Amino acid sequence: MAPTKAPDSSRRSDRSRRAIHDAALALVTEVGYRRTTIEGIAARAGVGKQTIYRWWPSKAAVLMDAFLGLAGRAAEDAGAGSGSGDTGESAPGIPDTGDLAADLKLVLRATVDEMNDPALEAPTRALTAEGIVDAKLGAEFVHKLLDPQLALYVTRLRAAQEAGDVRADVDPRIALELLIGPLMHRWLLRTLPLTHAYADEIVDYAVGGLAPRA
């Protein structure tokens, strides 16, 4: 008689983690951050509260981990769908083809797609809003999600400076806000649609202002 195979505990843990992540994101989308609870996440995921507390110290930690995983998968999908042959890269996710405007338009269009994705939009809005009143959550959101992404823009803009496409006196950390700020403003206020055409215009205006003066 063949020996009975022992259950794979790591696979079971992965399934439980994914179920908890999915439950947390679904609840924060449906009822908002403040009304989302560890009890609610556990019930939705079909696990006990002790399972959640074994891996995360708080509701905020669960949601942040879940959102980072979701954002990471979205970025991987976007990268897989935008591959276009052999191009250099100044950093992962930021193309450096030698055409600064074209490279930035590619990145900002992908950002627009993420911001318009219903699966990402609702939890992003919930965490953004709560981060305004919860300084610790807001700082964690910036440190774990925004800062790594902004660093990629800094790297690309510095490469453009070295190539002579951006003035030497420009601070890349401030310059990137010319690109990201307008997108966030329109996304937060929902006054006008967030489109690829709008992203392209932002790049054209920003690159024109950053270029060396005659």
N, C-alpha and C. Protein backbone atom coordinates (compact mmCIF):
# COMPACT_ATOMS: atom_id res chain seq x y z
N MET A 1 0.85 -1.20 0.00
CA MET A 1 0.00 0.00 0.00
C MET A 1 0.89 1.25 0.00
N ALA A 2 0.60 2.17 -0.90
CA ALA A 2 1.43 3.37 -1.02
C ALA A 2 1.29 4.24 0.22
N PRO A 3 2.40 4.85 0.69
CA PRO A 3 2.34 5.71 1.87
C PRO A 3 1.50 6.96 1.58
N THR A 4 0.79 7.43 2.60
CA THR A 4 -0.02 8.64 2.46
C THR A 4 0.88 9.87 2.43
N LYS A 5 0.68 10.71 1.44
CA LYS A 5 1.50 11.92 1.30
C LYS A 5 1.06 12.97 2.31
N ALA A 6 2.05 13.54 3.01
CA ALA A 6 1.74 14.56 4.02
C ALA A 6 1.24 15.83 3.34
N PRO A 7 0.29 16.51 3.95
CA PRO A 7 -0.21 17.77 3.38
C PRO A 7 0.91 18.79 3.24
N ASP A 8 0.85 19.55 2.19
CA ASP A 8 1.84 20.60 1.95
C ASP A 8 1.43 21.85 2.72
N SER A 9 2.07 22.07 3.87
CA SER A 9 1.68 23.19 4.73
C SER A 9 1.99 24.54 4.09
N SER A 10 3.08 24.60 3.29
CA SER A 10 3.43 25.87 2.66
C SER A 10 2.39 26.26 1.62
N ARG A 11 1.90 25.26 0.89
CA ARG A 11 0.87 25.55 -0.11
C ARG A 11 -0.42 26.00 0.57
N ARG A 12 -0.75 25.35 1.68
CA ARG A 12 -1.94 25.73 2.43
C ARG A 12 -1.80 27.16 2.97
N SER A 13 -0.60 27.50 3.44
CA SER A 13 -0.36 28.85 3.95
C SER A 13 -0.50 29.88 2.85
N ASP A 14 0.03 29.56 1.65
CA ASP A 14 -0.08 30.48 0.52
C ASP A 14 -1.55 30.72 0.15
N ARG A 15 -2.34 29.65 0.16
CA ARG A 15 -3.76 29.79 -0.16
C ARG A 15 -4.45 30.67 0.88
N SER A 16 -4.11 30.46 2.14
CA SER A 16 -4.73 31.23 3.21
C SER A 16 -4.34 32.71 3.10
N ARG A 17 -3.07 32.96 2.84
CA ARG A 17 -2.62 34.35 2.70
C ARG A 17 -3.34 35.04 1.55
N ARG A 18 -3.45 34.34 0.43
CA ARG A 18 -4.12 34.94 -0.73
C ARG A 18 -5.59 35.18 -0.42
N ALA A 19 -6.22 34.24 0.30
CA ALA A 19 -7.63 34.43 0.66
C ALA A 19 -7.79 35.62 1.59
N ILE A 20 -6.86 35.80 2.51
CA ILE A 20 -6.92 36.95 3.43
C ILE A 20 -6.70 38.25 2.67
N HIS A 21 -5.73 38.26 1.76
CA HIS A 21 -5.49 39.45 0.94
C HIS A 21 -6.74 39.82 0.15
N ASP A 22 -7.32 38.83 -0.52
CA ASP A 22 -8.51 39.08 -1.34
C ASP A 22 -9.67 39.59 -0.49
N ALA A 23 -9.82 39.00 0.70
CA ALA A 23 -10.91 39.42 1.59
C ALA A 23 -10.70 40.85 2.06
N ALA A 24 -9.47 41.19 2.41
CA ALA A 24 -9.17 42.54 2.90
C ALA A 24 -9.45 43.58 1.82
N LEU A 25 -9.00 43.31 0.60
CA LEU A 25 -9.20 44.25 -0.50
C LEU A 25 -10.68 44.38 -0.84
N ALA A 26 -11.40 43.28 -0.82
CA ALA A 26 -12.83 43.32 -1.13
C ALA A 26 -13.58 44.14 -0.08
N LEU A 27 -13.25 43.94 1.18
CA LEU A 27 -13.97 44.65 2.24
C LEU A 27 -13.66 46.15 2.23
N VAL A 28 -12.39 46.50 2.04
CA VAL A 28 -12.06 47.93 2.05
C VAL A 28 -12.71 48.63 0.86
N THR A 29 -12.92 47.88 -0.23
CA THR A 29 -13.61 48.43 -1.39
C THR A 29 -15.10 48.61 -1.12
N GLU A 30 -15.69 47.64 -0.42
CA GLU A 30 -17.14 47.64 -0.21
C GLU A 30 -17.58 48.56 0.94
N VAL A 31 -16.83 48.54 2.04
CA VAL A 31 -17.30 49.26 3.23
C VAL A 31 -16.34 50.35 3.70
N GLY A 32 -15.16 50.47 3.06
CA GLY A 32 -14.21 51.48 3.48
C GLY A 32 -13.23 50.95 4.52
N TYR A 33 -12.17 51.71 4.72
CA TYR A 33 -11.10 51.26 5.62
C TYR A 33 -11.58 51.16 7.07
N ARG A 34 -12.27 52.18 7.54
CA ARG A 34 -12.63 52.22 8.96
C ARG A 34 -13.59 51.12 9.36
N ARG A 35 -14.46 50.72 8.47
CA ARG A 35 -15.44 49.67 8.79
C ARG A 35 -14.91 48.27 8.49
N THR A 36 -13.74 48.19 7.91
CA THR A 36 -13.11 46.89 7.71
C THR A 36 -12.45 46.46 9.01
N THR A 37 -12.69 45.22 9.42
CA THR A 37 -12.15 44.71 10.68
C THR A 37 -11.42 43.39 10.46
N ILE A 38 -10.58 43.04 11.43
CA ILE A 38 -9.90 41.75 11.38
C ILE A 38 -10.94 40.63 11.40
N GLU A 39 -11.98 40.80 12.22
CA GLU A 39 -13.04 39.80 12.28
C GLU A 39 -13.71 39.61 10.92
N GLY A 40 -14.00 40.73 10.26
CA GLY A 40 -14.64 40.66 8.96
C GLY A 40 -13.74 40.01 7.92
N ILE A 41 -12.45 40.36 7.95
CA ILE A 41 -11.50 39.76 7.00
C ILE A 41 -11.41 38.26 7.22
N ALA A 42 -11.32 37.85 8.50
CA ALA A 42 -11.21 36.43 8.82
C ALA A 42 -12.43 35.66 8.35
N ALA A 43 -13.62 36.22 8.62
CA ALA A 43 -14.85 35.55 8.22
C ALA A 43 -14.93 35.41 6.70
N ARG A 44 -14.58 36.47 6.00
CA ARG A 44 -14.65 36.46 4.54
C ARG A 44 -13.64 35.48 3.94
N ALA A 45 -12.46 35.39 4.57
CA ALA A 45 -11.42 34.52 4.05
C ALA A 45 -11.58 33.08 4.49
N GLY A 46 -12.47 32.85 5.47
CA GLY A 46 -12.67 31.49 5.96
C GLY A 46 -11.55 30.99 6.83
N VAL A 47 -10.94 31.92 7.58
CA VAL A 47 -9.85 31.53 8.50
C VAL A 47 -10.17 32.09 9.88
N GLY A 48 -9.42 31.68 10.87
CA GLY A 48 -9.59 32.21 12.22
C GLY A 48 -8.80 33.50 12.41
N LYS A 49 -9.23 34.31 13.37
CA LYS A 49 -8.52 35.56 13.65
C LYS A 49 -7.07 35.29 14.01
N GLN A 50 -6.83 34.20 14.74
CA GLN A 50 -5.47 33.90 15.17
C GLN A 50 -4.54 33.66 13.99
N THR A 51 -5.10 33.18 12.88
CA THR A 51 -4.28 32.98 11.68
C THR A 51 -3.78 34.31 11.15
N ILE A 52 -4.67 35.30 11.14
CA ILE A 52 -4.28 36.63 10.67
C ILE A 52 -3.25 37.25 11.60
N TYR A 53 -3.49 37.19 12.90
CA TYR A 53 -2.58 37.80 13.85
C TYR A 53 -1.23 37.10 13.90
N ARG A 54 -1.17 35.87 13.43
CA ARG A 54 0.11 35.17 13.38
C ARG A 54 1.03 35.78 12.33
N TRP A 55 0.43 36.36 11.28
CA TRP A 55 1.22 36.92 10.19
C TRP A 55 1.27 38.44 10.18
N TRP A 56 0.25 39.11 10.71
CA TRP A 56 0.20 40.57 10.68
C TRP A 56 -0.20 41.11 12.05
N PRO A 57 0.38 42.24 12.45
CA PRO A 57 0.07 42.78 13.78
C PRO A 57 -1.21 43.61 13.83
N SER A 58 -1.72 44.02 12.65
CA SER A 58 -2.87 44.93 12.66
C SER A 58 -3.61 44.87 11.34
N LYS A 59 -4.78 45.49 11.33
CA LYS A 59 -5.58 45.60 10.11
C LYS A 59 -4.81 46.37 9.04
N ALA A 60 -4.15 47.44 9.45
CA ALA A 60 -3.40 48.26 8.50
C ALA A 60 -2.30 47.43 7.83
N ALA A 61 -1.64 46.58 8.60
CA ALA A 61 -0.58 45.75 8.03
C ALA A 61 -1.14 44.76 7.02
N VAL A 62 -2.29 44.19 7.32
CA VAL A 62 -2.93 43.25 6.38
C VAL A 62 -3.25 43.97 5.07
N LEU A 63 -3.90 45.11 5.17
CA LEU A 63 -4.32 45.83 3.98
C LEU A 63 -3.13 46.34 3.17
N MET A 64 -2.10 46.81 3.87
CA MET A 64 -0.93 47.30 3.15
C MET A 64 -0.26 46.16 2.40
N ASP A 65 -0.11 45.01 3.05
CA ASP A 65 0.50 43.85 2.41
C ASP A 65 -0.34 43.40 1.21
N ALA A 66 -1.65 43.37 1.40
CA ALA A 66 -2.55 42.96 0.32
C ALA A 66 -2.46 43.92 -0.86
N PHE A 67 -2.43 45.21 -0.56
CA PHE A 67 -2.39 46.19 -1.63
C PHE A 67 -1.06 46.18 -2.37
N LEU A 68 0.03 46.01 -1.63
CA LEU A 68 1.34 45.94 -2.28
C LEU A 68 1.41 44.74 -3.22
N GLY A 69 0.82 43.62 -2.79
CA GLY A 69 0.79 42.46 -3.66
C GLY A 69 -0.03 42.70 -4.91
N LEU A 70 -1.17 43.36 -4.74
CA LEU A 70 -2.03 43.67 -5.88
C LEU A 70 -1.34 44.62 -6.84
N ALA A 71 -0.72 45.67 -6.31
CA ALA A 71 -0.02 46.64 -7.14
C ALA A 71 1.15 45.99 -7.87
N GLY A 72 1.84 45.08 -7.18
CA GLY A 72 2.96 44.39 -7.82
C GLY A 72 2.52 43.53 -8.98
N ARG A 73 1.40 42.82 -8.80
CA ARG A 73 0.89 41.99 -9.89
C ARG A 73 0.43 42.84 -11.07
N ALA A 74 -0.19 43.99 -10.76
CA ALA A 74 -0.64 44.89 -11.84
C ALA A 74 0.56 45.42 -12.62
N ALA A 75 1.64 45.76 -11.91
CA ALA A 75 2.84 46.27 -12.57
C ALA A 75 3.48 45.20 -13.45
N GLU A 76 3.49 43.95 -12.96
CA GLU A 76 4.04 42.85 -13.75
C GLU A 76 3.23 42.62 -15.02
N ASP A 77 1.89 42.69 -14.88
CA ASP A 77 1.03 42.51 -16.04
C ASP A 77 1.24 43.62 -17.06
N ALA A 78 1.39 44.85 -16.55
CA ALA A 78 1.61 45.99 -17.45
C ALA A 78 2.94 45.85 -18.17
N GLY A 79 3.96 45.40 -17.44
CA GLY A 79 5.27 45.23 -18.05
C GLY A 79 5.27 44.14 -19.09
N ALA A 80 4.56 43.06 -18.81
CA ALA A 80 4.50 41.95 -19.76
C ALA A 80 3.77 42.36 -21.03
N GLY A 81 2.80 43.27 -20.88
CA GLY A 81 2.01 43.66 -22.03
C GLY A 81 2.61 44.77 -22.84
N SER A 82 3.69 45.40 -22.32
CA SER A 82 4.25 46.56 -23.03
C SER A 82 5.64 46.30 -23.57
N GLY A 83 6.10 45.03 -23.52
CA GLY A 83 7.43 44.73 -24.04
C GLY A 83 7.49 45.02 -25.53
N SER A 84 8.61 45.62 -25.96
CA SER A 84 8.70 46.01 -27.37
C SER A 84 10.12 45.85 -27.89
N GLY A 85 10.69 44.67 -27.69
CA GLY A 85 11.99 44.43 -28.28
C GLY A 85 13.11 44.88 -27.37
N ASP A 86 14.29 45.11 -27.96
CA ASP A 86 15.48 45.43 -27.19
C ASP A 86 15.57 46.93 -26.95
N THR A 87 15.44 47.32 -25.71
CA THR A 87 15.65 48.71 -25.33
C THR A 87 16.44 48.71 -24.05
N GLY A 88 17.23 49.77 -23.86
CA GLY A 88 17.96 49.88 -22.61
C GLY A 88 17.02 50.31 -21.51
N GLU A 89 17.45 50.12 -20.26
CA GLU A 89 16.64 50.54 -19.13
C GLU A 89 17.54 51.21 -18.11
N SER A 90 17.14 52.36 -17.62
CA SER A 90 17.89 53.01 -16.57
C SER A 90 17.58 52.39 -15.23
N ALA A 91 16.42 51.75 -15.11
CA ALA A 91 16.03 51.04 -13.89
C ALA A 91 14.84 50.17 -14.26
N PRO A 92 14.55 49.11 -13.48
CA PRO A 92 13.42 48.24 -13.81
C PRO A 92 12.13 49.03 -13.94
N GLY A 93 11.41 48.83 -15.04
CA GLY A 93 10.12 49.48 -15.22
C GLY A 93 10.19 50.84 -15.87
N ILE A 94 11.37 51.42 -15.99
CA ILE A 94 11.50 52.74 -16.63
C ILE A 94 12.35 52.58 -17.88
N PRO A 95 11.75 52.70 -19.05
CA PRO A 95 12.53 52.53 -20.28
C PRO A 95 13.48 53.70 -20.51
N ASP A 96 14.58 53.43 -21.18
CA ASP A 96 15.50 54.49 -21.58
C ASP A 96 15.91 54.21 -23.02
N THR A 97 15.06 54.67 -23.93
CA THR A 97 15.32 54.45 -25.36
C THR A 97 16.12 55.60 -25.97
N GLY A 98 16.39 56.63 -25.15
CA GLY A 98 17.04 57.82 -25.67
C GLY A 98 16.05 58.92 -26.01
N ASP A 99 14.76 58.60 -26.00
CA ASP A 99 13.70 59.58 -26.25
C ASP A 99 12.94 59.77 -24.95
N LEU A 100 13.28 60.82 -24.22
CA LEU A 100 12.72 61.04 -22.89
C LEU A 100 11.20 61.16 -22.92
N ALA A 101 10.67 61.95 -23.85
CA ALA A 101 9.23 62.16 -23.91
C ALA A 101 8.50 60.84 -24.19
N ALA A 102 9.00 60.07 -25.13
CA ALA A 102 8.35 58.79 -25.46
C ALA A 102 8.38 57.84 -24.27
N ASP A 103 9.50 57.81 -23.57
CA ASP A 103 9.63 56.91 -22.43
C ASP A 103 8.67 57.31 -21.31
N LEU A 104 8.58 58.60 -21.04
CA LEU A 104 7.69 59.07 -19.98
C LEU A 104 6.22 58.86 -20.35
N LYS A 105 5.89 59.03 -21.62
CA LYS A 105 4.51 58.79 -22.05
C LYS A 105 4.13 57.33 -21.85
N LEU A 106 5.05 56.43 -22.14
CA LEU A 106 4.78 55.01 -21.95
C LEU A 106 4.47 54.71 -20.48
N VAL A 107 5.28 55.28 -19.60
CA VAL A 107 5.10 55.04 -18.16
C VAL A 107 3.83 55.69 -17.65
N LEU A 108 3.57 56.93 -18.04
CA LEU A 108 2.38 57.61 -17.54
C LEU A 108 1.10 57.00 -18.10
N ARG A 109 1.13 56.50 -19.31
CA ARG A 109 -0.06 55.80 -19.83
C ARG A 109 -0.36 54.55 -19.01
N ALA A 110 0.69 53.82 -18.65
CA ALA A 110 0.50 52.63 -17.81
C ALA A 110 -0.04 53.03 -16.44
N THR A 111 0.42 54.17 -15.92
CA THR A 111 -0.07 54.67 -14.64
C THR A 111 -1.54 55.04 -14.72
N VAL A 112 -1.93 55.67 -15.82
CA VAL A 112 -3.34 55.99 -16.03
C VAL A 112 -4.19 54.73 -16.04
N ASP A 113 -3.71 53.70 -16.71
CA ASP A 113 -4.45 52.43 -16.76
C ASP A 113 -4.63 51.85 -15.36
N GLU A 114 -3.58 51.93 -14.54
CA GLU A 114 -3.68 51.41 -13.18
C GLU A 114 -4.67 52.23 -12.35
N MET A 115 -4.62 53.54 -12.50
CA MET A 115 -5.50 54.41 -11.71
C MET A 115 -6.96 54.25 -12.12
N ASN A 116 -7.19 53.83 -13.35
CA ASN A 116 -8.56 53.61 -13.83
C ASN A 116 -9.04 52.18 -13.63
N ASP A 117 -8.16 51.31 -13.17
CA ASP A 117 -8.52 49.90 -12.97
C ASP A 117 -9.38 49.79 -11.71
N PRO A 118 -10.63 49.33 -11.81
CA PRO A 118 -11.50 49.25 -10.63
C PRO A 118 -10.92 48.43 -9.50
N ALA A 119 -10.16 47.38 -9.84
CA ALA A 119 -9.58 46.53 -8.80
C ALA A 119 -8.56 47.27 -7.96
N LEU A 120 -7.89 48.26 -8.56
CA LEU A 120 -6.90 49.04 -7.84
C LEU A 120 -7.45 50.35 -7.30
N GLU A 121 -8.41 50.94 -8.02
CA GLU A 121 -8.86 52.28 -7.68
C GLU A 121 -9.50 52.35 -6.30
N ALA A 122 -10.42 51.45 -6.00
CA ALA A 122 -11.14 51.54 -4.72
C ALA A 122 -10.22 51.38 -3.52
N PRO A 123 -9.37 50.34 -3.46
CA PRO A 123 -8.48 50.26 -2.30
C PRO A 123 -7.46 51.39 -2.25
N THR A 124 -7.04 51.88 -3.41
CA THR A 124 -6.10 53.00 -3.40
C THR A 124 -6.75 54.24 -2.81
N ARG A 125 -7.99 54.51 -3.19
CA ARG A 125 -8.69 55.67 -2.64
C ARG A 125 -8.91 55.51 -1.14
N ALA A 126 -9.27 54.30 -0.72
CA ALA A 126 -9.51 54.07 0.71
C ALA A 126 -8.26 54.29 1.53
N LEU A 127 -7.13 53.72 1.07
CA LEU A 127 -5.88 53.87 1.80
C LEU A 127 -5.34 55.29 1.72
N THR A 128 -5.54 55.95 0.59
CA THR A 128 -5.10 57.34 0.46
C THR A 128 -5.86 58.23 1.42
N ALA A 129 -7.18 58.06 1.47
CA ALA A 129 -8.01 58.87 2.36
C ALA A 129 -7.66 58.62 3.82
N GLU A 130 -7.50 57.35 4.20
CA GLU A 130 -7.19 57.04 5.59
C GLU A 130 -5.78 57.50 5.95
N GLY A 131 -4.88 57.48 4.98
CA GLY A 131 -3.52 57.94 5.23
C GLY A 131 -3.43 59.41 5.56
N ILE A 132 -4.44 60.18 5.17
CA ILE A 132 -4.46 61.61 5.49
C ILE A 132 -4.70 61.83 6.97
N VAL A 133 -5.55 61.01 7.58
CA VAL A 133 -5.89 61.17 8.99
C VAL A 133 -5.07 60.26 9.89
N ASP A 134 -4.50 59.19 9.32
CA ASP A 134 -3.67 58.26 10.09
C ASP A 134 -2.24 58.44 9.59
N ALA A 135 -1.46 59.25 10.33
CA ALA A 135 -0.12 59.60 9.87
C ALA A 135 0.78 58.38 9.71
N LYS A 136 0.64 57.41 10.59
CA LYS A 136 1.49 56.22 10.52
C LYS A 136 1.18 55.41 9.26
N LEU A 137 -0.11 55.23 8.97
CA LEU A 137 -0.50 54.50 7.77
C LEU A 137 -0.06 55.27 6.53
N GLY A 138 -0.24 56.58 6.54
CA GLY A 138 0.16 57.40 5.40
C GLY A 138 1.65 57.31 5.13
N ALA A 139 2.45 57.35 6.20
CA ALA A 139 3.91 57.26 6.03
C ALA A 139 4.31 55.90 5.48
N GLU A 140 3.63 54.85 5.94
CA GLU A 140 3.94 53.50 5.45
C GLU A 140 3.55 53.37 3.98
N PHE A 141 2.42 53.95 3.60
CA PHE A 141 1.96 53.93 2.21
C PHE A 141 2.99 54.60 1.30
N VAL A 142 3.48 55.75 1.75
CA VAL A 142 4.48 56.48 0.96
C VAL A 142 5.79 55.70 0.89
N HIS A 143 6.25 55.19 2.04
CA HIS A 143 7.55 54.52 2.11
C HIS A 143 7.57 53.23 1.30
N LYS A 144 6.51 52.43 1.41
CA LYS A 144 6.51 51.11 0.78
C LYS A 144 6.04 51.12 -0.66
N LEU A 145 5.18 52.05 -1.02
CA LEU A 145 4.62 52.03 -2.37
C LEU A 145 5.09 53.18 -3.24
N LEU A 146 4.94 54.41 -2.75
CA LEU A 146 5.21 55.56 -3.60
C LEU A 146 6.70 55.82 -3.80
N ASP A 147 7.48 55.82 -2.71
CA ASP A 147 8.89 56.16 -2.83
C ASP A 147 9.65 55.26 -3.81
N PRO A 148 9.46 53.94 -3.79
CA PRO A 148 10.18 53.11 -4.77
C PRO A 148 9.81 53.46 -6.21
N GLN A 149 8.55 53.82 -6.45
CA GLN A 149 8.14 54.18 -7.80
C GLN A 149 8.73 55.54 -8.21
N LEU A 150 8.72 56.48 -7.28
CA LEU A 150 9.25 57.81 -7.58
C LEU A 150 10.76 57.76 -7.83
N ALA A 151 11.44 56.85 -7.15
CA ALA A 151 12.88 56.71 -7.34
C ALA A 151 13.21 56.33 -8.79
N LEU A 152 12.32 55.60 -9.45
CA LEU A 152 12.55 55.23 -10.84
C LEU A 152 12.50 56.45 -11.75
N TYR A 153 11.60 57.38 -11.45
CA TYR A 153 11.54 58.62 -12.23
C TYR A 153 12.81 59.44 -12.02
N VAL A 154 13.28 59.51 -10.79
CA VAL A 154 14.50 60.26 -10.49
C VAL A 154 15.67 59.69 -11.30
N THR A 155 15.78 58.37 -11.33
CA THR A 155 16.87 57.74 -12.06
C THR A 155 16.80 58.07 -13.55
N ARG A 156 15.58 57.99 -14.12
CA ARG A 156 15.44 58.27 -15.56
C ARG A 156 15.73 59.74 -15.86
N LEU A 157 15.28 60.64 -15.02
CA LEU A 157 15.52 62.06 -15.26
C LEU A 157 17.00 62.41 -15.11
N ARG A 158 17.67 61.76 -14.19
CA ARG A 158 19.11 61.99 -14.06
C ARG A 158 19.86 61.50 -15.29
N ALA A 159 19.42 60.37 -15.83
CA ALA A 159 20.02 59.88 -17.06
C ALA A 159 19.80 60.88 -18.20
N ALA A 160 18.63 61.50 -18.22
CA ALA A 160 18.34 62.51 -19.24
C ALA A 160 19.22 63.74 -19.05
N GLN A 161 19.51 64.09 -17.80
CA GLN A 161 20.44 65.20 -17.54
C GLN A 161 21.82 64.89 -18.10
N GLU A 162 22.29 63.67 -17.85
CA GLU A 162 23.61 63.28 -18.32
C GLU A 162 23.67 63.28 -19.85
N ALA A 163 22.51 62.99 -20.48
CA ALA A 163 22.46 62.98 -21.94
C ALA A 163 22.26 64.38 -22.52
N GLY A 164 22.04 65.38 -21.66
CA GLY A 164 21.84 66.74 -22.13
C GLY A 164 20.42 67.06 -22.52
N ASP A 165 19.46 66.18 -22.16
CA ASP A 165 18.06 66.41 -22.51
C ASP A 165 17.31 67.19 -21.43
N VAL A 166 17.88 67.29 -20.25
CA VAL A 166 17.29 68.03 -19.13
C VAL A 166 18.35 68.95 -18.57
N ARG A 167 17.95 70.17 -18.24
CA ARG A 167 18.90 71.16 -17.71
C ARG A 167 19.62 70.63 -16.47
N ALA A 168 20.86 71.00 -16.33
CA ALA A 168 21.68 70.54 -15.21
C ALA A 168 21.20 71.09 -13.88
N ASP A 169 20.51 72.25 -13.90
CA ASP A 169 20.08 72.87 -12.64
C ASP A 169 18.73 72.33 -12.15
N VAL A 170 18.14 71.39 -12.88
CA VAL A 170 16.84 70.83 -12.50
C VAL A 170 17.02 69.79 -11.40
N ASP A 171 16.17 69.87 -10.36
CA ASP A 171 16.14 68.85 -9.32
C ASP A 171 15.17 67.75 -9.76
N PRO A 172 15.67 66.55 -10.06
CA PRO A 172 14.77 65.49 -10.57
C PRO A 172 13.63 65.16 -9.62
N ARG A 173 13.88 65.25 -8.30
CA ARG A 173 12.83 64.90 -7.34
C ARG A 173 11.66 65.88 -7.41
N ILE A 174 11.96 67.14 -7.71
CA ILE A 174 10.89 68.13 -7.89
C ILE A 174 10.29 68.00 -9.29
N ALA A 175 11.14 67.77 -10.26
CA ALA A 175 10.67 67.68 -11.65
C ALA A 175 9.66 66.56 -11.84
N LEU A 176 9.85 65.44 -11.15
CA LEU A 176 8.91 64.32 -11.34
C LEU A 176 7.50 64.69 -10.88
N GLU A 177 7.41 65.66 -9.95
CA GLU A 177 6.08 66.08 -9.49
C GLU A 177 5.30 66.80 -10.58
N LEU A 178 6.00 67.34 -11.59
CA LEU A 178 5.32 67.92 -12.74
C LEU A 178 4.57 66.85 -13.52
N LEU A 179 5.03 65.62 -13.40
CA LEU A 179 4.41 64.50 -14.12
C LEU A 179 3.34 63.82 -13.28
N ILE A 180 3.67 63.52 -12.02
CA ILE A 180 2.76 62.77 -11.16
C ILE A 180 1.66 63.64 -10.57
N GLY A 181 2.00 64.87 -10.20
CA GLY A 181 1.04 65.75 -9.54
C GLY A 181 -0.26 65.97 -10.30
N PRO A 182 -0.20 66.33 -11.58
CA PRO A 182 -1.44 66.55 -12.33
C PRO A 182 -2.31 65.29 -12.43
N LEU A 183 -1.68 64.12 -12.59
CA LEU A 183 -2.46 62.89 -12.64
C LEU A 183 -3.21 62.67 -11.33
N MET A 184 -2.50 62.82 -10.20
CA MET A 184 -3.12 62.61 -8.90
C MET A 184 -4.24 63.63 -8.66
N HIS A 185 -4.02 64.88 -9.07
CA HIS A 185 -5.02 65.93 -8.87
C HIS A 185 -6.31 65.58 -9.60
N ARG A 186 -6.20 65.20 -10.87
CA ARG A 186 -7.40 64.86 -11.64
C ARG A 186 -8.05 63.59 -11.12
N TRP A 187 -7.23 62.62 -10.69
CA TRP A 187 -7.76 61.35 -10.18
C TRP A 187 -8.50 61.56 -8.86
N LEU A 188 -7.96 62.38 -8.00
CA LEU A 188 -8.59 62.61 -6.69
C LEU A 188 -9.90 63.37 -6.83
N LEU A 189 -9.91 64.39 -7.68
CA LEU A 189 -11.10 65.24 -7.79
C LEU A 189 -12.17 64.65 -8.71
N ARG A 190 -11.78 63.77 -9.62
CA ARG A 190 -12.73 63.14 -10.56
C ARG A 190 -13.49 64.17 -11.39
N THR A 191 -12.89 65.32 -11.63
CA THR A 191 -13.59 66.36 -12.37
C THR A 191 -13.57 66.10 -13.87
N LEU A 192 -12.49 65.52 -14.36
CA LEU A 192 -12.34 65.24 -15.78
C LEU A 192 -11.77 63.84 -15.95
N PRO A 193 -12.00 63.22 -17.11
CA PRO A 193 -11.50 61.85 -17.30
C PRO A 193 -9.98 61.80 -17.33
N LEU A 194 -9.44 60.69 -16.83
CA LEU A 194 -8.01 60.45 -16.83
C LEU A 194 -7.71 59.57 -18.04
N THR A 195 -7.03 60.15 -19.04
CA THR A 195 -6.85 59.47 -20.32
C THR A 195 -5.38 59.44 -20.74
N HIS A 196 -5.10 58.62 -21.73
CA HIS A 196 -3.76 58.59 -22.30
C HIS A 196 -3.41 59.93 -22.94
N ALA A 197 -4.38 60.55 -23.59
CA ALA A 197 -4.13 61.84 -24.24
C ALA A 197 -3.71 62.88 -23.21
N TYR A 198 -4.37 62.86 -22.05
CA TYR A 198 -4.01 63.80 -20.99
C TYR A 198 -2.59 63.52 -20.48
N ALA A 199 -2.25 62.25 -20.32
CA ALA A 199 -0.90 61.89 -19.88
C ALA A 199 0.14 62.38 -20.88
N ASP A 200 -0.15 62.24 -22.16
CA ASP A 200 0.79 62.70 -23.19
C ASP A 200 0.98 64.21 -23.13
N GLU A 201 -0.10 64.95 -22.90
CA GLU A 201 0.01 66.41 -22.80
C GLU A 201 0.85 66.82 -21.60
N ILE A 202 0.67 66.13 -20.48
CA ILE A 202 1.47 66.43 -19.30
C ILE A 202 2.95 66.26 -19.61
N VAL A 203 3.29 65.17 -20.28
CA VAL A 203 4.69 64.92 -20.63
C VAL A 203 5.22 66.01 -21.55
N ASP A 204 4.45 66.38 -22.56
CA ASP A 204 4.90 67.41 -23.50
C ASP A 204 5.16 68.73 -22.78
N TYR A 205 4.25 69.13 -21.89
CA TYR A 205 4.44 70.38 -21.15
C TYR A 205 5.65 70.29 -20.23
N ALA A 206 5.77 69.17 -19.52
CA ALA A 206 6.85 69.03 -18.55
C ALA A 206 8.23 68.96 -19.24
N VAL A 207 8.33 68.14 -20.27
CA VAL A 207 9.61 68.00 -20.97
C VAL A 207 10.01 69.32 -21.61
N GLY A 208 9.02 70.05 -22.14
CA GLY A 208 9.33 71.36 -22.72
C GLY A 208 9.91 72.32 -21.69
N GLY A 209 9.42 72.24 -20.46
CA GLY A 209 9.93 73.11 -19.41
C GLY A 209 11.26 72.67 -18.86
N LEU A 210 11.57 71.38 -18.97
CA LEU A 210 12.81 70.85 -18.40
C LEU A 210 13.98 70.91 -19.40
N ALA A 211 13.65 71.07 -20.67
CA ALA A 211 14.70 71.02 -21.71
C ALA A 211 15.65 72.19 -21.59
N PRO A 212 16.89 72.00 -22.01
CA PRO A 212 17.86 73.11 -22.00
C PRO A 212 17.34 74.30 -22.80
N ARG A 213 17.61 75.50 -22.29
CA ARG A 213 17.15 76.71 -22.96
C ARG A 213 18.15 77.10 -24.06
N ALA A 214 17.60 77.61 -25.14
CA ALA A 214 18.46 78.04 -26.25
C ALA A 214 19.30 79.23 -25.81
